[in-house]
C-alpha cells in the first residue's frame, strides 16, 4: 500500500454553526483509524485548543485550514504520516510512519470574543 502524499479532506456534513479558528477551544467527537481499518483512538467529547503546537498538523490544517470546519459538521481527514506523528511510534497502537484516518464531528467552538 502506498503512503498518502498529502492531506485529504472530505466533508460528510457541512456544519452551519460557528467556524473553528486558531486558538479556539473546540469540542469534537472523533474516531482515529490506521490504514488497515483498526481503531487506535476515539472520543465522544474531546476538548483541545486548536493550535499548531497542540494537535498534529493534519488536524490543524484539516480543521482550520483553507475551509474551516463549522459546528455541526462532520469531516473525514486522511492524514499522511508527515502531518501526523511522522517517524515516532505512539504507544502500542500507532507504528512509525503511519498514515492516519479520522472522522471528526465538531460539537462546539469557544473563542474569547
PDB file of N, CA and C in Angstrom:
ATOM      1  N   UNK A   1       0.840  -1.191   0.000  1.00  0.00           N
ATOM      2  CA  UNK A   1       0.000   0.000   0.000  1.00  0.00           C
ATOM      3  C   UNK A   1       0.875   1.241   0.000  1.00  0.00           C
ATOM      4  N   UNK A   2       0.548   2.180  -0.839  1.00  0.00           N
ATOM      5  CA  UNK A   2       1.351   3.394  -0.904  1.00  0.00           C
ATOM      6  C   UNK A   2       0.921   4.368   0.170  1.00  0.00           C
ATOM      7  N   UNK A   3       1.867   5.172   0.612  1.00  0.00           N
ATOM      8  CA  UNK A   3       1.572   6.172   1.629  1.00  0.00           C
ATOM      9  C   UNK A   3       0.883   7.369   0.993  1.00  0.00           C
ATOM     10  N   UNK A   4       0.111   8.060   1.803  1.00  0.00           N
ATOM     11  CA  UNK A   4      -0.522   9.292   1.355  1.00  0.00           C
ATOM     12  C   UNK A   4       0.538  10.356   1.127  1.00  0.00           C
ATOM     13  N   UNK A   5       0.374  11.149   0.089  1.00  0.00           N
ATOM     14  CA  UNK A   5       1.312  12.230  -0.186  1.00  0.00           C
ATOM     15  C   UNK A   5       0.847  13.529   0.456  1.00  0.00           C
ATOM     16  N   UNK A   6      -0.467  13.708   0.544  1.00  0.00           N
ATOM     17  CA  UNK A   6      -0.976  14.959   1.090  1.00  0.00           C
ATOM     18  C   UNK A   6      -2.248  14.722   1.881  1.00  0.00           C
ATOM     19  N   UNK A   7      -2.616  15.740   2.629  1.00  0.00           N
ATOM     20  CA  UNK A   7      -3.829  15.703   3.426  1.00  0.00           C
ATOM     21  C   UNK A   7      -5.048  15.688   2.520  1.00  0.00           C
ATOM     22  N   UNK A   8      -5.964  14.757   2.779  1.00  0.00           N
ATOM     23  CA  UNK A   8      -7.235  14.718   2.052  1.00  0.00           C
ATOM     24  C   UNK A   8      -8.360  15.025   3.029  1.00  0.00           C
ATOM     25  N   UNK A   9      -9.207  15.978   2.644  1.00  0.00           N
ATOM     26  CA  UNK A   9     -10.314  16.425   3.490  1.00  0.00           C
ATOM     27  C   UNK A   9     -11.612  16.153   2.752  1.00  0.00           C
ATOM     28  N   UNK A  10     -12.529  15.453   3.400  1.00  0.00           N
ATOM     29  CA  UNK A  10     -13.834  15.175   2.806  1.00  0.00           C
ATOM     30  C   UNK A  10     -14.914  15.571   3.802  1.00  0.00           C
ATOM     31  N   UNK A  11     -15.770  16.511   3.410  1.00  0.00           N
ATOM     32  CA  UNK A  11     -16.894  16.874   4.268  1.00  0.00           C
ATOM     33  C   UNK A  11     -18.016  15.866   4.074  1.00  0.00           C
ATOM     34  N   UNK A  12     -18.449  15.251   5.172  1.00  0.00           N
ATOM     35  CA  UNK A  12     -19.587  14.336   5.154  1.00  0.00           C
ATOM     36  C   UNK A  12     -20.857  15.167   5.361  1.00  0.00           C
ATOM     37  N   UNK A  13     -20.780  16.049   6.351  1.00  0.00           N
ATOM     38  CA  UNK A  13     -21.852  17.002   6.625  1.00  0.00           C
ATOM     39  C   UNK A  13     -21.199  18.360   6.806  1.00  0.00           C
ATOM     40  N   UNK A  14     -21.694  19.372   6.118  1.00  0.00           N
ATOM     41  CA  UNK A  14     -21.163  20.725   6.292  1.00  0.00           C
ATOM     42  C   UNK A  14     -21.930  21.381   7.429  1.00  0.00           C
ATOM     43  N   UNK A  15     -21.197  21.848   8.429  1.00  0.00           N
ATOM     44  CA  UNK A  15     -21.838  22.486   9.582  1.00  0.00           C
ATOM     45  C   UNK A  15     -22.315  23.885   9.246  1.00  0.00           C
ATOM     46  N   UNK A  16     -23.223  24.376  10.072  1.00  0.00           N
ATOM     47  CA  UNK A  16     -23.759  25.716   9.864  1.00  0.00           C
ATOM     48  C   UNK A  16     -23.518  26.607  11.069  1.00  0.00           C
ATOM     49  N   UNK A  17     -22.817  26.094  12.067  1.00  0.00           N
ATOM     50  CA  UNK A  17     -22.556  26.868  13.281  1.00  0.00           C
ATOM     51  C   UNK A  17     -21.271  27.676  13.167  1.00  0.00           C
ATOM     52  N   UNK A  18     -20.718  28.018  14.321  1.00  0.00           N
ATOM     53  CA  UNK A  18     -19.503  28.813  14.409  1.00  0.00           C
ATOM     54  C   UNK A  18     -18.320  28.074  13.790  1.00  0.00           C
ATOM     55  N   UNK A  19     -17.489  28.798  13.071  1.00  0.00           N
ATOM     56  CA  UNK A  19     -16.312  28.194  12.425  1.00  0.00           C
ATOM     57  C   UNK A  19     -15.162  28.053  13.415  1.00  0.00           C
ATOM     58  N   UNK A  20     -14.410  26.961  13.269  1.00  0.00           N
ATOM     59  CA  UNK A  20     -13.210  26.755  14.076  1.00  0.00           C
ATOM     60  C   UNK A  20     -12.155  27.771  13.648  1.00  0.00           C
ATOM     61  N   UNK A  21     -11.376  28.259  14.606  1.00  0.00           N
ATOM     62  CA  UNK A  21     -10.299  29.191  14.292  1.00  0.00           C
ATOM     63  C   UNK A  21      -9.129  28.949  15.231  1.00  0.00           C
ATOM     64  N   UNK A  22      -7.962  29.405  14.808  1.00  0.00           N
ATOM     65  CA  UNK A  22      -6.748  29.221  15.605  1.00  0.00           C
ATOM     66  C   UNK A  22      -6.948  29.783  17.011  1.00  0.00           C
ATOM     67  N   UNK A  23      -6.576  28.993  18.004  1.00  0.00           N
ATOM     68  CA  UNK A  23      -6.665  29.428  19.389  1.00  0.00           C
ATOM     69  C   UNK A  23      -8.004  29.150  20.051  1.00  0.00           C
ATOM     70  N   UNK A  24      -8.994  28.691  19.280  1.00  0.00           N
ATOM     71  CA  UNK A  24     -10.310  28.383  19.845  1.00  0.00           C
ATOM     72  C   UNK A  24     -10.250  27.066  20.607  1.00  0.00           C
ATOM     73  N   UNK A  25     -11.088  26.950  21.627  1.00  0.00           N
ATOM     74  CA  UNK A  25     -11.267  25.682  22.330  1.00  0.00           C
ATOM     75  C   UNK A  25     -12.381  24.947  21.600  1.00  0.00           C
ATOM     76  N   UNK A  26     -12.041  23.816  21.010  1.00  0.00           N
ATOM     77  CA  UNK A  26     -13.054  23.052  20.293  1.00  0.00           C
ATOM     78  C   UNK A  26     -13.410  21.796  21.073  1.00  0.00           C
ATOM     79  N   UNK A  27     -14.643  21.362  20.906  1.00  0.00           N
ATOM     80  CA  UNK A  27     -15.092  20.068  21.425  1.00  0.00           C
ATOM     81  C   UNK A  27     -15.525  19.260  20.218  1.00  0.00           C
ATOM     82  N   UNK A  28     -14.997  18.061  20.101  1.00  0.00           N
ATOM     83  CA  UNK A  28     -15.362  17.233  18.955  1.00  0.00           C
ATOM     84  C   UNK A  28     -15.478  15.775  19.371  1.00  0.00           C
ATOM     85  N   UNK A  29     -16.187  15.057  18.537  1.00  0.00           N
ATOM     86  CA  UNK A  29     -16.321  13.613  18.670  1.00  0.00           C
ATOM     87  C   UNK A  29     -15.502  13.048  17.519  1.00  0.00           C
ATOM     88  N   UNK A  30     -14.636  12.081  17.784  1.00  0.00           N
ATOM     89  CA  UNK A  30     -13.815  11.564  16.689  1.00  0.00           C
ATOM     90  C   UNK A  30     -13.468  10.100  16.860  1.00  0.00           C
ATOM     91  N   UNK A  31     -13.098   9.512  15.727  1.00  0.00           N
ATOM     92  CA  UNK A  31     -12.533   8.165  15.701  1.00  0.00           C
ATOM     93  C   UNK A  31     -11.296   8.236  14.823  1.00  0.00           C
ATOM     94  N   UNK A  32     -10.198   7.664  15.297  1.00  0.00           N
ATOM     95  CA  UNK A  32      -8.963   7.605  14.520  1.00  0.00           C
ATOM     96  C   UNK A  32      -8.645   6.168  14.163  1.00  0.00           C
ATOM     97  N   UNK A  33      -8.340   5.945  12.891  1.00  0.00           N
ATOM     98  CA  UNK A  33      -8.017   4.595  12.416  1.00  0.00           C
ATOM     99  C   UNK A  33      -6.697   4.594  11.660  1.00  0.00           C
ATOM    100  N   UNK A  34      -6.106   3.408  11.604  1.00  0.00           N
ATOM    101  CA  UNK A  34      -4.921   3.182  10.774  1.00  0.00           C
ATOM    102  C   UNK A  34      -5.378   2.737   9.386  1.00  0.00           C
ATOM    103  N   UNK A  35      -4.438   2.615   8.460  1.00  0.00           N
ATOM    104  CA  UNK A  35      -4.756   2.231   7.084  1.00  0.00           C
ATOM    105  C   UNK A  35      -5.457   0.870   6.996  1.00  0.00           C
ATOM    106  N   UNK A  36      -5.170  -0.021   7.959  1.00  0.00           N
ATOM    107  CA  UNK A  36      -5.808  -1.347   7.930  1.00  0.00           C
ATOM    108  C   UNK A  36      -7.219  -1.339   8.529  1.00  0.00           C
ATOM    109  N   UNK A  37      -7.678  -0.155   8.953  1.00  0.00           N
ATOM    110  CA  UNK A  37      -9.027  -0.029   9.493  1.00  0.00           C
ATOM    111  C   UNK A  37      -9.129  -0.197  10.994  1.00  0.00           C
ATOM    112  N   UNK A  38      -8.015  -0.533  11.647  1.00  0.00           N
ATOM    113  CA  UNK A  38      -8.074  -0.714  13.098  1.00  0.00           C
ATOM    114  C   UNK A  38      -8.152   0.645  13.803  1.00  0.00           C
ATOM    115  N   UNK A  39      -9.019   0.724  14.803  1.00  0.00           N
ATOM    116  CA  UNK A  39      -9.213   1.962  15.561  1.00  0.00           C
ATOM    117  C   UNK A  39      -8.098   2.092  16.597  1.00  0.00           C
ATOM    118  N   UNK A  40      -7.411   3.238  16.600  1.00  0.00           N
ATOM    119  CA  UNK A  40      -6.375   3.459  17.609  1.00  0.00           C
ATOM    120  C   UNK A  40      -6.823   4.432  18.684  1.00  0.00           C
ATOM    121  N   UNK A  41      -7.876   5.204  18.417  1.00  0.00           N
ATOM    122  CA  UNK A  41      -8.343   6.160  19.419  1.00  0.00           C
ATOM    123  C   UNK A  41      -9.732   6.649  19.038  1.00  0.00           C
ATOM    124  N   UNK A  42     -10.509   7.024  20.050  1.00  0.00           N
ATOM    125  CA  UNK A  42     -11.797   7.657  19.794  1.00  0.00           C
ATOM    126  C   UNK A  42     -12.227   8.398  21.049  1.00  0.00           C
ATOM    127  N   UNK A  43     -13.113   9.360  20.870  1.00  0.00           N
ATOM    128  CA  UNK A  43     -13.633  10.123  21.991  1.00  0.00           C
ATOM    129  C   UNK A  43     -15.013  10.645  21.637  1.00  0.00           C
ATOM    130  N   UNK A  44     -15.874  10.715  22.633  1.00  0.00           N
ATOM    131  CA  UNK A  44     -17.220  11.270  22.443  1.00  0.00           C
ATOM    132  C   UNK A  44     -17.240  12.778  22.662  1.00  0.00           C
ATOM    133  N   UNK A  45     -16.279  13.303  23.426  1.00  0.00           N
ATOM    134  CA  UNK A  45     -16.256  14.735  23.736  1.00  0.00           C
ATOM    135  C   UNK A  45     -14.827  15.169  24.046  1.00  0.00           C
ATOM    136  N   UNK A  46     -14.011  15.243  23.005  1.00  0.00           N
ATOM    137  CA  UNK A  46     -12.597  15.617  23.141  1.00  0.00           C
ATOM    138  C   UNK A  46     -12.491  17.132  23.045  1.00  0.00           C
ATOM    139  N   UNK A  47     -11.829  17.742  24.037  1.00  0.00           N
ATOM    140  CA  UNK A  47     -11.625  19.188  24.015  1.00  0.00           C
ATOM    141  C   UNK A  47     -10.155  19.486  23.825  1.00  0.00           C
ATOM    142  N   UNK A  48      -9.875  20.449  22.945  1.00  0.00           N
ATOM    143  CA  UNK A  48      -8.499  20.856  22.716  1.00  0.00           C
ATOM    144  C   UNK A  48      -8.487  22.286  22.180  1.00  0.00           C
ATOM    145  N   UNK A  49      -7.444  23.033  22.546  1.00  0.00           N
ATOM    146  CA  UNK A  49      -7.229  24.346  21.926  1.00  0.00           C
ATOM    147  C   UNK A  49      -6.564  24.077  20.592  1.00  0.00           C
ATOM    148  N   UNK A  50      -7.173  24.561  19.517  1.00  0.00           N
ATOM    149  CA  UNK A  50      -6.681  24.241  18.186  1.00  0.00           C
ATOM    150  C   UNK A  50      -5.536  25.183  17.812  1.00  0.00           C
ATOM    151  N   UNK A  51      -4.321  24.664  17.925  1.00  0.00           N
ATOM    152  CA  UNK A  51      -3.129  25.418  17.549  1.00  0.00           C
ATOM    153  C   UNK A  51      -2.094  24.438  17.014  1.00  0.00           C
ATOM    154  N   UNK A  52      -1.128  24.974  16.288  1.00  0.00           N
ATOM    155  CA  UNK A  52      -0.115  24.134  15.646  1.00  0.00           C
ATOM    156  C   UNK A  52       0.712  23.351  16.669  1.00  0.00           C
ATOM    157  N   UNK A  53       0.756  23.809  17.916  1.00  0.00           N
ATOM    158  CA  UNK A  53       1.555  23.130  18.936  1.00  0.00           C
ATOM    159  C   UNK A  53       0.770  22.062  19.701  1.00  0.00           C
ATOM    160  N   UNK A  54      -0.555  22.118  19.671  1.00  0.00           N
ATOM    161  CA  UNK A  54      -1.381  21.237  20.496  1.00  0.00           C
ATOM    162  C   UNK A  54      -1.931  20.024  19.774  1.00  0.00           C
ATOM    163  N   UNK A  55      -2.054  20.105  18.457  1.00  0.00           N
ATOM    164  CA  UNK A  55      -2.613  18.988  17.686  1.00  0.00           C
ATOM    165  C   UNK A  55      -1.671  18.658  16.534  1.00  0.00           C
ATOM    166  N   UNK A  56      -1.810  17.459  15.974  1.00  0.00           N
ATOM    167  CA  UNK A  56      -0.992  17.106  14.812  1.00  0.00           C
ATOM    168  C   UNK A  56      -1.325  18.058  13.657  1.00  0.00           C
ATOM    169  N   UNK A  57      -0.371  18.257  12.778  1.00  0.00           N
ATOM    170  CA  UNK A  57      -0.554  19.174  11.656  1.00  0.00           C
ATOM    171  C   UNK A  57      -1.753  18.809  10.784  1.00  0.00           C
ATOM    172  N   UNK A  58      -2.010  17.508  10.634  1.00  0.00           N
ATOM    173  CA  UNK A  58      -3.161  17.080   9.842  1.00  0.00           C
ATOM    174  C   UNK A  58      -4.474  17.583  10.414  1.00  0.00           C
ATOM    175  N   UNK A  59      -4.580  17.615  11.738  1.00  0.00           N
ATOM    176  CA  UNK A  59      -5.787  18.164  12.376  1.00  0.00           C
ATOM    177  C   UNK A  59      -5.812  19.665  12.221  1.00  0.00           C
ATOM    178  N   UNK A  60      -4.685  20.303  12.471  1.00  0.00           N
ATOM    179  CA  UNK A  60      -4.610  21.767  12.400  1.00  0.00           C
ATOM    180  C   UNK A  60      -5.043  22.249  11.017  1.00  0.00           C
ATOM    181  N   UNK A  61      -4.431  21.677   9.978  1.00  0.00           N
ATOM    182  CA  UNK A  61      -4.767  22.072   8.605  1.00  0.00           C
ATOM    183  C   UNK A  61      -6.163  21.602   8.209  1.00  0.00           C
ATOM    184  N   UNK A  62      -6.561  20.436   8.690  1.00  0.00           N
ATOM    185  CA  UNK A  62      -7.835  19.853   8.296  1.00  0.00           C
ATOM    186  C   UNK A  62      -9.048  20.458   8.982  1.00  0.00           C
ATOM    187  N   UNK A  63      -8.827  21.085  10.141  1.00  0.00           N
ATOM    188  CA  UNK A  63      -9.945  21.679  10.878  1.00  0.00           C
ATOM    189  C   UNK A  63     -10.039  23.184  10.644  1.00  0.00           C
ATOM    190  N   UNK A  64      -8.885  23.894  10.599  1.00  0.00           N
ATOM    191  CA  UNK A  64      -8.962  25.346  10.432  1.00  0.00           C
ATOM    192  C   UNK A  64      -8.242  25.853   9.193  1.00  0.00           C
ATOM    193  N   UNK A  65      -7.874  24.959   8.280  1.00  0.00           N
ATOM    194  CA  UNK A  65      -7.148  25.371   7.072  1.00  0.00           C
ATOM    195  C   UNK A  65      -7.954  26.286   6.167  1.00  0.00           C
ATOM    196  N   UNK A  66      -7.843  26.088   4.863  1.00  0.00           N
ATOM    197  CA  UNK A  66      -8.488  26.952   3.880  1.00  0.00           C
ATOM    198  C   UNK A  66     -10.006  26.974   4.001  1.00  0.00           C
ATOM    199  N   UNK A  67     -10.574  25.896   4.509  1.00  0.00           N
ATOM    200  CA  UNK A  67     -12.029  25.775   4.624  1.00  0.00           C
ATOM    201  C   UNK A  67     -12.356  25.302   6.037  1.00  0.00           C
ATOM    202  N   UNK A  68     -12.392  26.242   7.009  1.00  0.00           N
ATOM    203  CA  UNK A  68     -12.574  25.830   8.407  1.00  0.00           C
ATOM    204  C   UNK A  68     -13.863  25.052   8.637  1.00  0.00           C
ATOM    205  N   UNK A  69     -13.771  24.056   9.506  1.00  0.00           N
ATOM    206  CA  UNK A  69     -14.966  23.312   9.911  1.00  0.00           C
ATOM    207  C   UNK A  69     -15.879  24.221  10.695  1.00  0.00           C
ATOM    208  N   UNK A  70     -17.186  23.943  10.624  1.00  0.00           N
ATOM    209  CA  UNK A  70     -18.174  24.677  11.410  1.00  0.00           C
ATOM    210  C   UNK A  70     -18.907  23.695  12.311  1.00  0.00           C
ATOM    211  N   UNK A  71     -19.393  24.222  13.436  1.00  0.00           N
ATOM    212  CA  UNK A  71     -20.135  23.396  14.395  1.00  0.00           C
ATOM    213  C   UNK A  71     -21.285  22.703  13.674  1.00  0.00           C
ATOM    214  N   UNK A  72     -21.440  21.411  13.963  1.00  0.00           N
ATOM    215  CA  UNK A  72     -22.459  20.603  13.319  1.00  0.00           C
ATOM    216  C   UNK A  72     -21.921  19.813  12.140  1.00  0.00           C
ATOM    217  N   UNK A  73     -20.698  20.138  11.731  1.00  0.00           N
ATOM    218  CA  UNK A  73     -20.089  19.456  10.589  1.00  0.00           C
ATOM    219  C   UNK A  73     -19.385  18.175  10.981  1.00  0.00           C
ATOM    220  N   UNK A  74     -19.318  17.264  10.020  1.00  0.00           N
ATOM    221  CA  UNK A  74     -18.555  16.030  10.178  1.00  0.00           C
ATOM    222  C   UNK A  74     -17.611  15.948   8.986  1.00  0.00           C
ATOM    223  N   UNK A  75     -16.358  15.634   9.265  1.00  0.00           N
ATOM    224  CA  UNK A  75     -15.325  15.651   8.237  1.00  0.00           C
ATOM    225  C   UNK A  75     -14.428  14.442   8.384  1.00  0.00           C
ATOM    226  N   UNK A  76     -14.034  13.893   7.238  1.00  0.00           N
ATOM    227  CA  UNK A  76     -13.019  12.839   7.227  1.00  0.00           C
ATOM    228  C   UNK A  76     -11.686  13.464   6.857  1.00  0.00           C
ATOM    229  N   UNK A  77     -10.662  13.118   7.614  1.00  0.00           N
ATOM    230  CA  UNK A  77      -9.299  13.566   7.323  1.00  0.00           C
ATOM    231  C   UNK A  77      -8.443  12.333   7.072  1.00  0.00           C
ATOM    232  N   UNK A  78      -7.790  12.307   5.913  1.00  0.00           N
ATOM    233  CA  UNK A  78      -6.791  11.276   5.624  1.00  0.00           C
ATOM    234  C   UNK A  78      -5.450  11.976   5.749  1.00  0.00           C
ATOM    235  N   UNK A  79      -4.735  11.647   6.826  1.00  0.00           N
ATOM    236  CA  UNK A  79      -3.536  12.387   7.224  1.00  0.00           C
ATOM    237  C   UNK A  79      -2.283  11.580   6.894  1.00  0.00           C
ATOM    238  N   UNK A  80      -1.433  12.104   5.979  1.00  0.00           N
ATOM    239  CA  UNK A  80      -0.181  11.397   5.702  1.00  0.00           C
ATOM    240  C   UNK A  80       0.728  11.428   6.933  1.00  0.00           C
ATOM    241  N   UNK A  81       1.588  10.446   7.037  1.00  0.00           N
ATOM    242  CA  UNK A  81       2.443  10.300   8.223  1.00  0.00           C
ATOM    243  C   UNK A  81       3.185  11.583   8.584  1.00  0.00           C
ATOM    244  N   UNK A  82       3.690  12.320   7.574  1.00  0.00           N
ATOM    245  CA  UNK A  82       4.480  13.525   7.894  1.00  0.00           C
ATOM    246  C   UNK A  82       3.636  14.648   8.494  1.00  0.00           C
ATOM    247  N   UNK A  83       2.301  14.567   8.389  1.00  0.00           N
ATOM    248  CA  UNK A  83       1.422  15.539   9.048  1.00  0.00           C
ATOM    249  C   UNK A  83       0.765  14.935  10.294  1.00  0.00           C
ATOM    250  N   UNK A  84       1.161  13.692  10.617  1.00  0.00           N
ATOM    251  CA  UNK A  84       0.682  13.021  11.824  1.00  0.00           C
ATOM    252  C   UNK A  84       1.812  12.971  12.834  1.00  0.00           C
ATOM    253  N   UNK A  85       2.257  11.759  13.135  1.00  0.00           N
ATOM    254  CA  UNK A  85       3.324  11.587  14.120  1.00  0.00           C
ATOM    255  C   UNK A  85       4.671  11.265  13.483  1.00  0.00           C
ATOM    256  N   UNK A  86       4.729  11.254  12.134  1.00  0.00           N
ATOM    257  CA  UNK A  86       5.986  11.039  11.437  1.00  0.00           C
ATOM    258  C   UNK A  86       6.646   9.728  11.800  1.00  0.00           C
ATOM    259  N   UNK A  87       7.913   9.795  12.128  1.00  0.00           N
ATOM    260  CA  UNK A  87       8.691   8.591  12.422  1.00  0.00           C
ATOM    261  C   UNK A  87       8.517   8.098  13.849  1.00  0.00           C
ATOM    262  N   UNK A  88       7.738   8.839  14.651  1.00  0.00           N
ATOM    263  CA  UNK A  88       7.550   8.432  16.051  1.00  0.00           C
ATOM    264  C   UNK A  88       6.514   7.322  16.165  1.00  0.00           C
ATOM    265  N   UNK A  89       6.775   6.407  17.082  1.00  0.00           N
ATOM    266  CA  UNK A  89       5.793   5.373  17.451  1.00  0.00           C
ATOM    267  C   UNK A  89       5.006   5.958  18.617  1.00  0.00           C
ATOM    268  N   UNK A  90       3.679   5.852  18.551  1.00  0.00           N
ATOM    269  CA  UNK A  90       2.850   6.409  19.617  1.00  0.00           C
ATOM    270  C   UNK A  90       2.178   5.257  20.354  1.00  0.00           C
ATOM    271  N   UNK A  91       2.592   5.078  21.611  1.00  0.00           N
ATOM    272  CA  UNK A  91       2.048   3.980  22.413  1.00  0.00           C
ATOM    273  C   UNK A  91       2.255   2.649  21.718  1.00  0.00           C
ATOM    274  N   UNK A  92       1.321   1.729  21.903  1.00  0.00           N
ATOM    275  CA  UNK A  92       1.449   0.421  21.257  1.00  0.00           C
ATOM    276  C   UNK A  92       0.471   0.295  20.090  1.00  0.00           C
ATOM    277  N   UNK A  93      -0.198   1.403  19.736  1.00  0.00           N
ATOM    278  CA  UNK A  93      -1.220   1.330  18.693  1.00  0.00           C
ATOM    279  C   UNK A  93      -0.815   1.962  17.367  1.00  0.00           C
ATOM    280  N   UNK A  94       0.082   2.960  17.407  1.00  0.00           N
ATOM    281  CA  UNK A  94       0.441   3.666  16.175  1.00  0.00           C
ATOM    282  C   UNK A  94       1.911   3.414  15.847  1.00  0.00           C
ATOM    283  N   UNK A  95       2.180   2.613  14.794  1.00  0.00           N
ATOM    284  CA  UNK A  95       3.566   2.372  14.398  1.00  0.00           C
ATOM    285  C   UNK A  95       4.187   3.613  13.755  1.00  0.00           C
ATOM    286  N   UNK A  96       5.530   3.663  13.651  1.00  0.00           N
ATOM    287  CA  UNK A  96       6.177   4.785  12.964  1.00  0.00           C
ATOM    288  C   UNK A  96       5.692   4.885  11.514  1.00  0.00           C
ATOM    289  N   UNK A  97       5.725   6.103  10.986  1.00  0.00           N
ATOM    290  CA  UNK A  97       5.378   6.383   9.581  1.00  0.00           C
ATOM    291  C   UNK A  97       3.976   5.924   9.190  1.00  0.00           C
ATOM    292  N   UNK A  98       3.022   6.064  10.116  1.00  0.00           N
ATOM    293  CA  UNK A  98       1.641   5.647   9.846  1.00  0.00           C
ATOM    294  C   UNK A  98       0.805   6.785   9.280  1.00  0.00           C
ATOM    295  N   UNK A  99       0.086   6.489   8.185  1.00  0.00           N
ATOM    296  CA  UNK A  99      -0.958   7.389   7.724  1.00  0.00           C
ATOM    297  C   UNK A  99      -2.133   7.193   8.680  1.00  0.00           C
ATOM    298  N   UNK A 100      -2.841   8.278   8.985  1.00  0.00           N
ATOM    299  CA  UNK A 100      -3.926   8.237   9.954  1.00  0.00           C
ATOM    300  C   UNK A 100      -5.228   8.700   9.301  1.00  0.00           C
ATOM    301  N   UNK A 101      -6.324   8.097   9.714  1.00  0.00           N
ATOM    302  CA  UNK A 101      -7.633   8.398   9.129  1.00  0.00           C
ATOM    303  C   UNK A 101      -8.602   8.735  10.257  1.00  0.00           C
ATOM    304  N   UNK A 102      -9.157   9.942  10.190  1.00  0.00           N
ATOM    305  CA  UNK A 102     -10.043  10.416  11.250  1.00  0.00           C
ATOM    306  C   UNK A 102     -11.415  10.756  10.701  1.00  0.00           C
ATOM    307  N   UNK A 103     -12.430  10.502  11.510  1.00  0.00           N
ATOM    308  CA  UNK A 103     -13.748  11.071  11.267  1.00  0.00           C
ATOM    309  C   UNK A 103     -14.022  11.959  12.469  1.00  0.00           C
ATOM    310  N   UNK A 104     -14.252  13.241  12.202  1.00  0.00           N
ATOM    311  CA  UNK A 104     -14.391  14.237  13.262  1.00  0.00           C
ATOM    312  C   UNK A 104     -15.730  14.936  13.121  1.00  0.00           C
ATOM    313  N   UNK A 105     -16.473  15.002  14.221  1.00  0.00           N
ATOM    314  CA  UNK A 105     -17.706  15.787  14.264  1.00  0.00           C
ATOM    315  C   UNK A 105     -17.453  16.954  15.202  1.00  0.00           C
ATOM    316  N   UNK A 106     -17.603  18.172  14.704  1.00  0.00           N
ATOM    317  CA  UNK A 106     -17.346  19.361  15.511  1.00  0.00           C
ATOM    318  C   UNK A 106     -18.599  19.723  16.304  1.00  0.00           C
ATOM    319  N   UNK A 107     -18.486  19.665  17.635  1.00  0.00           N
ATOM    320  CA  UNK A 107     -19.635  19.864  18.516  1.00  0.00           C
ATOM    321  C   UNK A 107     -19.733  21.297  19.039  1.00  0.00           C
ATOM    322  N   UNK A 108     -18.581  21.940  19.280  1.00  0.00           N
ATOM    323  CA  UNK A 108     -18.596  23.280  19.886  1.00  0.00           C
ATOM    324  C   UNK A 108     -17.296  23.998  19.574  1.00  0.00           C
ATOM    325  N   UNK A 109     -17.383  25.309  19.403  1.00  0.00           N
ATOM    326  CA  UNK A 109     -16.213  26.177  19.232  1.00  0.00           C
ATOM    327  C   UNK A 109     -16.355  27.331  20.216  1.00  0.00           C
ATOM    328  N   UNK A 110     -15.376  27.484  21.093  1.00  0.00           N
ATOM    329  CA  UNK A 110     -15.375  28.588  22.053  1.00  0.00           C
ATOM    330  C   UNK A 110     -14.199  29.512  21.756  1.00  0.00           C
ATOM    331  N   UNK A 111     -14.492  30.789  21.559  1.00  0.00           N
ATOM    332  CA  UNK A 111     -13.441  31.779  21.330  1.00  0.00           C
ATOM    333  C   UNK A 111     -13.536  32.852  22.411  1.00  0.00           C
ATOM    334  N   UNK A 112     -12.548  33.736  22.442  1.00  0.00           N
ATOM    335  CA  UNK A 112     -12.504  34.726  23.524  1.00  0.00           C
ATOM    336  C   UNK A 112     -13.309  35.976  23.234  1.00  0.00           C
ATOM    337  N   UNK A 113     -13.971  36.033  22.088  1.00  0.00           N
ATOM    338  CA  UNK A 113     -14.701  37.270  21.787  1.00  0.00           C
ATOM    339  C   UNK A 113     -16.093  37.292  22.395  1.00  0.00           C
TER     340      UNK A 113
END
